[in-house]
Amino acid sequence: MSFEILKQLDERIKAVIERTEQLRQENARLNEQLEQGRRRLEEVSAQLRQTQEQCQQHEAERVEVKDRIEKLLARFDGLDLA
């Protein structure tokens, strides 16, 4: 082998090592972004569950108020105001 071939091989090996390091850094950055996304998804999911529970509670309260109003109106209908 000539000296020039060894020099080219060395340059290629250095380029591969450099690219591998870049890919490792990018992979670490992407993994961190993924983890942040997962944490955010968990937060949003918890907020959604809480909001759904509140909506169910408000709906139950609404139904209760509606029923009470209907009962009051029925009582008024039963009164002889004439």
PDB file of N, CA and C in Angstrom:
ATOM      1  N   MET A   1       0.845  -1.184   0.000  1.00  0.00           N
ATOM      2  CA  MET A   1       0.000   0.000   0.000  1.00  0.00           C
ATOM      3  C   MET A   1       0.882   1.236   0.000  1.00  0.00           C
ATOM      4  N   SER A   2       0.392   2.184  -0.722  1.00  0.00           N
ATOM      5  CA  SER A   2       1.177   3.418  -0.758  1.00  0.00           C
ATOM      6  C   SER A   2       0.756   4.333   0.383  1.00  0.00           C
ATOM      7  N   PHE A   3       1.599   5.299   0.638  1.00  0.00           N
ATOM      8  CA  PHE A   3       1.360   6.251   1.701  1.00  0.00           C
ATOM      9  C   PHE A   3       0.081   7.056   1.441  1.00  0.00           C
ATOM     10  N   GLU A   4      -0.209   7.369   0.186  1.00  0.00           N
ATOM     11  CA  GLU A   4      -1.394   8.144  -0.184  1.00  0.00           C
ATOM     12  C   GLU A   4      -2.679   7.381   0.141  1.00  0.00           C
ATOM     13  N   ILE A   5      -2.701   6.093  -0.084  1.00  0.00           N
ATOM     14  CA  ILE A   5      -3.875   5.277   0.215  1.00  0.00           C
ATOM     15  C   ILE A   5      -4.115   5.247   1.723  1.00  0.00           C
ATOM     16  N   LEU A   6      -3.071   5.112   2.499  1.00  0.00           N
ATOM     17  CA  LEU A   6      -3.212   5.125   3.954  1.00  0.00           C
ATOM     18  C   LEU A   6      -3.709   6.480   4.457  1.00  0.00           C
ATOM     19  N   LYS A   7      -3.253   7.550   3.824  1.00  0.00           N
ATOM     20  CA  LYS A   7      -3.688   8.890   4.196  1.00  0.00           C
ATOM     21  C   LYS A   7      -5.183   9.050   3.905  1.00  0.00           C
ATOM     22  N   GLN A   8      -5.641   8.588   2.734  1.00  0.00           N
ATOM     23  CA  GLN A   8      -7.062   8.660   2.376  1.00  0.00           C
ATOM     24  C   GLN A   8      -7.917   7.820   3.339  1.00  0.00           C
ATOM     25  N   LEU A   9      -7.399   6.642   3.659  1.00  0.00           N
ATOM     26  CA  LEU A   9      -8.109   5.774   4.595  1.00  0.00           C
ATOM     27  C   LEU A   9      -8.233   6.447   5.968  1.00  0.00           C
ATOM     28  N   ASP A  10      -7.153   7.062   6.411  1.00  0.00           N
ATOM     29  CA  ASP A  10      -7.166   7.772   7.685  1.00  0.00           C
ATOM     30  C   ASP A  10      -8.176   8.912   7.667  1.00  0.00           C
ATOM     31  N   GLU A  11      -8.236   9.664   6.576  1.00  0.00           N
ATOM     32  CA  GLU A  11      -9.192  10.770   6.454  1.00  0.00           C
ATOM     33  C   GLU A  11     -10.630  10.244   6.473  1.00  0.00           C
ATOM     34  N   ARG A  12     -10.866   9.146   5.787  1.00  0.00           N
ATOM     35  CA  ARG A  12     -12.209   8.553   5.769  1.00  0.00           C
ATOM     36  C   ARG A  12     -12.607   8.075   7.172  1.00  0.00           C
ATOM     37  N   ILE A  13     -11.668   7.465   7.867  1.00  0.00           N
ATOM     38  CA  ILE A  13     -11.950   6.979   9.226  1.00  0.00           C
ATOM     39  C   ILE A  13     -12.266   8.167  10.140  1.00  0.00           C
ATOM     40  N   LYS A  14     -11.485   9.237  10.027  1.00  0.00           N
ATOM     41  CA  LYS A  14     -11.737  10.435  10.824  1.00  0.00           C
ATOM     42  C   LYS A  14     -13.111  11.024  10.490  1.00  0.00           C
ATOM     43  N   ALA A  15     -13.478  11.037   9.212  1.00  0.00           N
ATOM     44  CA  ALA A  15     -14.779  11.567   8.799  1.00  0.00           C
ATOM     45  C   ALA A  15     -15.914  10.716   9.360  1.00  0.00           C
ATOM     46  N   VAL A  16     -15.718   9.391   9.334  1.00  0.00           N
ATOM     47  CA  VAL A  16     -16.740   8.497   9.890  1.00  0.00           C
ATOM     48  C   VAL A  16     -16.869   8.705  11.389  1.00  0.00           C
ATOM     49  N   ILE A  17     -15.766   8.840  12.082  1.00  0.00           N
ATOM     50  CA  ILE A  17     -15.786   9.068  13.526  1.00  0.00           C
ATOM     51  C   ILE A  17     -16.481  10.397  13.833  1.00  0.00           C
ATOM     52  N   GLU A  18     -16.148  11.428  13.074  1.00  0.00           N
ATOM     53  CA  GLU A  18     -16.771  12.734  13.282  1.00  0.00           C
ATOM     54  C   GLU A  18     -18.282  12.666  13.026  1.00  0.00           C
ATOM     55  N   ARG A  19     -18.667  12.015  11.945  1.00  0.00           N
ATOM     56  CA  ARG A  19     -20.101  11.891  11.629  1.00  0.00           C
ATOM     57  C   ARG A  19     -20.822  11.067  12.704  1.00  0.00           C
ATOM     58  N   THR A  20     -20.177  10.033  13.198  1.00  0.00           N
ATOM     59  CA  THR A  20     -20.768   9.209  14.249  1.00  0.00           C
ATOM     60  C   THR A  20     -21.005  10.041  15.502  1.00  0.00           C
ATOM     61  N   GLU A  21     -20.043  10.879  15.838  1.00  0.00           N
ATOM     62  CA  GLU A  21     -20.195  11.752  17.011  1.00  0.00           C
ATOM     63  C   GLU A  21     -21.336  12.751  16.789  1.00  0.00           C
ATOM     64  N   GLN A  22     -21.431  13.311  15.596  1.00  0.00           N
ATOM     65  CA  GLN A  22     -22.534  14.228  15.287  1.00  0.00           C
ATOM     66  C   GLN A  22     -23.886  13.516  15.442  1.00  0.00           C
ATOM     67  N   LEU A  23     -23.954  12.296  14.936  1.00  0.00           N
ATOM     68  CA  LEU A  23     -25.198  11.539  15.035  1.00  0.00           C
ATOM     69  C   LEU A  23     -25.534  11.197  16.487  1.00  0.00           C
ATOM     70  N   ARG A  24     -24.530  10.903  17.279  1.00  0.00           N
ATOM     71  CA  ARG A  24     -24.768  10.635  18.703  1.00  0.00           C
ATOM     72  C   ARG A  24     -25.320  11.877  19.400  1.00  0.00           C
ATOM     73  N   GLN A  25     -24.722  13.031  19.097  1.00  0.00           N
ATOM     74  CA  GLN A  25     -25.199  14.273  19.702  1.00  0.00           C
ATOM     75  C   GLN A  25     -26.631  14.575  19.254  1.00  0.00           C
ATOM     76  N   GLU A  26     -26.886  14.382  17.970  1.00  0.00           N
ATOM     77  CA  GLU A  26     -28.240  14.611  17.463  1.00  0.00           C
ATOM     78  C   GLU A  26     -29.224  13.638  18.101  1.00  0.00           C
ATOM     79  N   ASN A  27     -28.816  12.399  18.259  1.00  0.00           N
ATOM     80  CA  ASN A  27     -29.673  11.397  18.897  1.00  0.00           C
ATOM     81  C   ASN A  27     -29.985  11.789  20.342  1.00  0.00           C
ATOM     82  N   ALA A  28     -28.993  12.269  21.059  1.00  0.00           N
ATOM     83  CA  ALA A  28     -29.199  12.703  22.443  1.00  0.00           C
ATOM     84  C   ALA A  28     -30.165  13.882  22.490  1.00  0.00           C
ATOM     85  N   ARG A  29     -29.993  14.819  21.560  1.00  0.00           N
ATOM     86  CA  ARG A  29     -30.882  15.987  21.501  1.00  0.00           C
ATOM     87  C   ARG A  29     -32.316  15.545  21.175  1.00  0.00           C
ATOM     88  N   LEU A  30     -32.461  14.645  20.223  1.00  0.00           N
ATOM     89  CA  LEU A  30     -33.792  14.159  19.850  1.00  0.00           C
ATOM     90  C   LEU A  30     -34.436  13.359  20.984  1.00  0.00           C
ATOM     91  N   ASN A  31     -33.640  12.587  21.697  1.00  0.00           N
ATOM     92  CA  ASN A  31     -34.170  11.849  22.844  1.00  0.00           C
ATOM     93  C   ASN A  31     -34.668  12.807  23.925  1.00  0.00           C
ATOM     94  N   GLU A  32     -33.942  13.898  24.143  1.00  0.00           N
ATOM     95  CA  GLU A  32     -34.377  14.888  25.124  1.00  0.00           C
ATOM     96  C   GLU A  32     -35.677  15.554  24.669  1.00  0.00           C
ATOM     97  N   GLN A  33     -35.777  15.882  23.391  1.00  0.00           N
ATOM     98  CA  GLN A  33     -37.011  16.466  22.865  1.00  0.00           C
ATOM     99  C   GLN A  33     -38.178  15.487  23.019  1.00  0.00           C
ATOM    100  N   LEU A  34     -37.910  14.225  22.756  1.00  0.00           N
ATOM    101  CA  LEU A  34     -38.937  13.198  22.904  1.00  0.00           C
ATOM    102  C   LEU A  34     -39.403  13.102  24.352  1.00  0.00           C
ATOM    103  N   GLU A  35     -38.467  13.126  25.270  1.00  0.00           N
ATOM    104  CA  GLU A  35     -38.818  13.053  26.685  1.00  0.00           C
ATOM    105  C   GLU A  35     -39.613  14.279  27.108  1.00  0.00           C
ATOM    106  N   GLN A  36     -39.226  15.442  26.631  1.00  0.00           N
ATOM    107  CA  GLN A  36     -39.984  16.659  26.930  1.00  0.00           C
ATOM    108  C   GLN A  36     -41.402  16.544  26.369  1.00  0.00           C
ATOM    109  N   GLY A  37     -41.523  16.016  25.173  1.00  0.00           N
ATOM    110  CA  GLY A  37     -42.841  15.818  24.567  1.00  0.00           C
ATOM    111  C   GLY A  37     -43.691  14.846  25.366  1.00  0.00           C
ATOM    112  N   ARG A  38     -43.069  13.799  25.852  1.00  0.00           N
ATOM    113  CA  ARG A  38     -43.801  12.825  26.686  1.00  0.00           C
ATOM    114  C   ARG A  38     -44.272  13.460  27.991  1.00  0.00           C
ATOM    115  N   ARG A  39     -43.393  14.248  28.603  1.00  0.00           N
ATOM    116  CA  ARG A  39     -43.782  14.921  29.847  1.00  0.00           C
ATOM    117  C   ARG A  39     -44.927  15.894  29.591  1.00  0.00           C
ATOM    118  N   ARG A  40     -44.843  16.627  28.502  1.00  0.00           N
ATOM    119  CA  ARG A  40     -45.901  17.583  28.159  1.00  0.00           C
ATOM    120  C   ARG A  40     -47.210  16.845  27.879  1.00  0.00           C
ATOM    121  N   LEU A  41     -47.126  15.724  27.197  1.00  0.00           N
ATOM    122  CA  LEU A  41     -48.320  14.925  26.924  1.00  0.00           C
ATOM    123  C   LEU A  41     -48.959  14.450  28.227  1.00  0.00           C
ATOM    124  N   GLU A  42     -48.153  14.020  29.172  1.00  0.00           N
ATOM    125  CA  GLU A  42     -48.672  13.600  30.479  1.00  0.00           C
ATOM    126  C   GLU A  42     -49.370  14.758  31.189  1.00  0.00           C
ATOM    127  N   GLU A  43     -48.759  15.949  31.127  1.00  0.00           N
ATOM    128  CA  GLU A  43     -49.364  17.127  31.756  1.00  0.00           C
ATOM    129  C   GLU A  43     -50.706  17.456  31.109  1.00  0.00           C
ATOM    130  N   VAL A  44     -50.721  17.468  29.788  1.00  0.00           N
ATOM    131  CA  VAL A  44     -51.945  17.804  29.067  1.00  0.00           C
ATOM    132  C   VAL A  44     -53.014  16.737  29.307  1.00  0.00           C
ATOM    133  N   SER A  45     -52.611  15.488  29.361  1.00  0.00           N
ATOM    134  CA  SER A  45     -53.562  14.410  29.631  1.00  0.00           C
ATOM    135  C   SER A  45     -54.175  14.567  31.017  1.00  0.00           C
ATOM    136  N   ALA A  46     -53.356  14.930  31.992  1.00  0.00           N
ATOM    137  CA  ALA A  46     -53.863  15.142  33.347  1.00  0.00           C
ATOM    138  C   ALA A  46     -54.838  16.315  33.371  1.00  0.00           C
ATOM    139  N   GLN A  47     -54.498  17.388  32.664  1.00  0.00           N
ATOM    140  CA  GLN A  47     -55.389  18.537  32.594  1.00  0.00           C
ATOM    141  C   GLN A  47     -56.702  18.161  31.904  1.00  0.00           C
ATOM    142  N   LEU A  48     -56.603  17.350  30.863  1.00  0.00           N
ATOM    143  CA  LEU A  48     -57.801  16.921  30.150  1.00  0.00           C
ATOM    144  C   LEU A  48     -58.700  16.085  31.053  1.00  0.00           C
ATOM    145  N   ARG A  49     -58.102  15.157  31.802  1.00  0.00           N
ATOM    146  CA  ARG A  49     -58.894  14.350  32.734  1.00  0.00           C
ATOM    147  C   ARG A  49     -59.590  15.237  33.762  1.00  0.00           C
ATOM    148  N   GLN A  50     -58.861  16.205  34.282  1.00  0.00           N
ATOM    149  CA  GLN A  50     -59.431  17.112  35.270  1.00  0.00           C
ATOM    150  C   GLN A  50     -60.577  17.912  34.654  1.00  0.00           C
ATOM    151  N   THR A  51     -60.391  18.395  33.455  1.00  0.00           N
ATOM    152  CA  THR A  51     -61.434  19.161  32.769  1.00  0.00           C
ATOM    153  C   THR A  51     -62.653  18.288  32.496  1.00  0.00           C
ATOM    154  N   GLN A  52     -62.427  17.046  32.095  1.00  0.00           N
ATOM    155  CA  GLN A  52     -63.542  16.136  31.857  1.00  0.00           C
ATOM    156  C   GLN A  52     -64.320  15.873  33.143  1.00  0.00           C
ATOM    157  N   GLU A  53     -63.608  15.695  34.247  1.00  0.00           N
ATOM    158  CA  GLU A  53     -64.265  15.490  35.539  1.00  0.00           C
ATOM    159  C   GLU A  53     -65.093  16.714  35.925  1.00  0.00           C
ATOM    160  N   GLN A  54     -64.534  17.897  35.700  1.00  0.00           N
ATOM    161  CA  GLN A  54     -65.261  19.123  36.006  1.00  0.00           C
ATOM    162  C   GLN A  54     -66.510  19.240  35.129  1.00  0.00           C
ATOM    163  N   CYS A  55     -66.373  18.891  33.856  1.00  0.00           N
ATOM    164  CA  CYS A  55     -67.527  18.937  32.950  1.00  0.00           C
ATOM    165  C   CYS A  55     -68.614  17.974  33.419  1.00  0.00           C
ATOM    166  N   GLN A  56     -68.221  16.786  33.830  1.00  0.00           N
ATOM    167  CA  GLN A  56     -69.202  15.821  34.327  1.00  0.00           C
ATOM    168  C   GLN A  56     -69.882  16.345  35.586  1.00  0.00           C
ATOM    169  N   GLN A  57     -69.107  16.954  36.465  1.00  0.00           N
ATOM    170  CA  GLN A  57     -69.670  17.519  37.686  1.00  0.00           C
ATOM    171  C   GLN A  57     -70.636  18.648  37.348  1.00  0.00           C
ATOM    172  N   HIS A  58     -70.254  19.527  36.433  1.00  0.00           N
ATOM    173  CA  HIS A  58     -71.133  20.635  36.040  1.00  0.00           C
ATOM    174  C   HIS A  58     -72.403  20.110  35.371  1.00  0.00           C
ATOM    175  N   GLU A  59     -72.272  19.076  34.578  1.00  0.00           N
ATOM    176  CA  GLU A  59     -73.441  18.492  33.924  1.00  0.00           C
ATOM    177  C   GLU A  59     -74.396  17.902  34.958  1.00  0.00           C
ATOM    178  N   ALA A  60     -73.843  17.222  35.951  1.00  0.00           N
ATOM    179  CA  ALA A  60     -74.684  16.656  37.012  1.00  0.00           C
ATOM    180  C   ALA A  60     -75.388  17.779  37.781  1.00  0.00           C
ATOM    181  N   GLU A  61     -74.662  18.847  38.058  1.00  0.00           N
ATOM    182  CA  GLU A  61     -75.260  19.984  38.753  1.00  0.00           C
ATOM    183  C   GLU A  61     -76.338  20.641  37.899  1.00  0.00           C
ATOM    184  N   ARG A  62     -76.096  20.752  36.619  1.00  0.00           N
ATOM    185  CA  ARG A  62     -77.063  21.346  35.696  1.00  0.00           C
ATOM    186  C   ARG A  62     -78.352  20.526  35.685  1.00  0.00           C
ATOM    187  N   VAL A  63     -78.212  19.218  35.611  1.00  0.00           N
ATOM    188  CA  VAL A  63     -79.380  18.336  35.607  1.00  0.00           C
ATOM    189  C   VAL A  63     -80.149  18.479  36.919  1.00  0.00           C
ATOM    190  N   GLU A  64     -79.431  18.554  38.023  1.00  0.00           N
ATOM    191  CA  GLU A  64     -80.071  18.714  39.334  1.00  0.00           C
ATOM    192  C   GLU A  64     -80.842  20.033  39.406  1.00  0.00           C
ATOM    193  N   VAL A  65     -80.229  21.117  38.946  1.00  0.00           N
ATOM    194  CA  VAL A  65     -80.897  22.420  38.959  1.00  0.00           C
ATOM    195  C   VAL A  65     -82.124  22.395  38.055  1.00  0.00           C
ATOM    196  N   LYS A  66     -81.988  21.800  36.887  1.00  0.00           N
ATOM    197  CA  LYS A  66     -83.112  21.693  35.947  1.00  0.00           C
ATOM    198  C   LYS A  66     -84.279  20.936  36.587  1.00  0.00           C
ATOM    199  N   ASP A  67     -83.965  19.822  37.219  1.00  0.00           N
ATOM    200  CA  ASP A  67     -85.014  19.033  37.878  1.00  0.00           C
ATOM    201  C   ASP A  67     -85.707  19.836  38.974  1.00  0.00           C
ATOM    202  N   ARG A  68     -84.942  20.561  39.752  1.00  0.00           N
ATOM    203  CA  ARG A  68     -85.525  21.360  40.838  1.00  0.00           C
ATOM    204  C   ARG A  68     -86.425  22.464  40.282  1.00  0.00           C
ATOM    205  N   ILE A  69     -85.970  23.103  39.210  1.00  0.00           N
ATOM    206  CA  ILE A  69     -86.785  24.150  38.586  1.00  0.00           C
ATOM    207  C   ILE A  69     -88.077  23.564  38.030  1.00  0.00           C
ATOM    208  N   GLU A  70     -87.978  22.400  37.381  1.00  0.00           N
ATOM    209  CA  GLU A  70     -89.180  21.753  36.851  1.00  0.00           C
ATOM    210  C   GLU A  70     -90.158  21.409  37.972  1.00  0.00           C
ATOM    211  N   LYS A  71     -89.651  20.954  39.104  1.00  0.00           N
ATOM    212  CA  LYS A  71     -90.515  20.636  40.241  1.00  0.00           C
ATOM    213  C   LYS A  71     -91.181  21.898  40.786  1.00  0.00           C
ATOM    214  N   LEU A  72     -90.414  22.989  40.873  1.00  0.00           N
ATOM    215  CA  LEU A  72     -90.987  24.249  41.338  1.00  0.00           C
ATOM    216  C   LEU A  72     -92.065  24.746  40.384  1.00  0.00           C
ATOM    217  N   LEU A  73     -91.797  24.651  39.102  1.00  0.00           N
ATOM    218  CA  LEU A  73     -92.784  25.081  38.106  1.00  0.00           C
ATOM    219  C   LEU A  73     -94.039  24.218  38.189  1.00  0.00           C
ATOM    220  N   ALA A  74     -93.859  22.952  38.431  1.00  0.00           N
ATOM    221  CA  ALA A  74     -95.011  22.059  38.561  1.00  0.00           C
ATOM    222  C   ALA A  74     -95.831  22.448  39.789  1.00  0.00           C
ATOM    223  N   ARG A  75     -95.166  22.837  40.842  1.00  0.00           N
ATOM    224  CA  ARG A  75     -95.884  23.265  42.054  1.00  0.00           C
ATOM    225  C   ARG A  75     -96.665  24.554  41.786  1.00  0.00           C
ATOM    226  N   PHE A  76     -96.058  25.466  41.029  1.00  0.00           N
ATOM    227  CA  PHE A  76     -96.759  26.690  40.675  1.00  0.00           C
ATOM    228  C   PHE A  76     -97.963  26.388  39.791  1.00  0.00           C
ATOM    229  N   ASP A  77     -97.807  25.462  38.891  1.00  0.00           N
ATOM    230  CA  ASP A  77     -98.934  25.074  38.026  1.00  0.00           C
ATOM    231  C   ASP A  77    -100.077  24.502  38.853  1.00  0.00           C
ATOM    232  N   GLY A  78     -99.771  23.884  39.947  1.00  0.00           N
ATOM    233  CA  GLY A  78    -100.779  23.274  40.807  1.00  0.00           C
ATOM    234  C   GLY A  78    -101.497  24.261  41.715  1.00  0.00           C
ATOM    235  N   LEU A  79    -100.953  25.454  41.834  1.00  0.00           N
ATOM    236  CA  LEU A  79    -101.577  26.465  42.696  1.00  0.00           C
ATOM    237  C   LEU A  79    -102.764  27.096  41.987  1.00  0.00           C
ATOM    238  N   ASP A  80    -103.755  27.370  42.745  1.00  0.00           N
ATOM    239  CA  ASP A  80    -104.935  28.055  42.193  1.00  0.00           C
ATOM    240  C   ASP A  80    -104.795  29.527  42.546  1.00  0.00           C
ATOM    241  N   LEU A  81    -104.316  30.306  41.605  1.00  0.00           N
ATOM    242  CA  LEU A  81    -104.050  31.724  41.857  1.00  0.00           C
ATOM    243  C   LEU A  81    -105.218  32.632  41.458  1.00  0.00           C
ATOM    244  N   ALA A  82    -106.305  32.079  41.007  1.00  0.00           N
ATOM    245  CA  ALA A  82    -107.439  32.883  40.568  1.00  0.00           C
ATOM    246  C   ALA A  82    -108.345  33.308  41.680  1.00  0.00           C
TER     247      ALA A  82
END
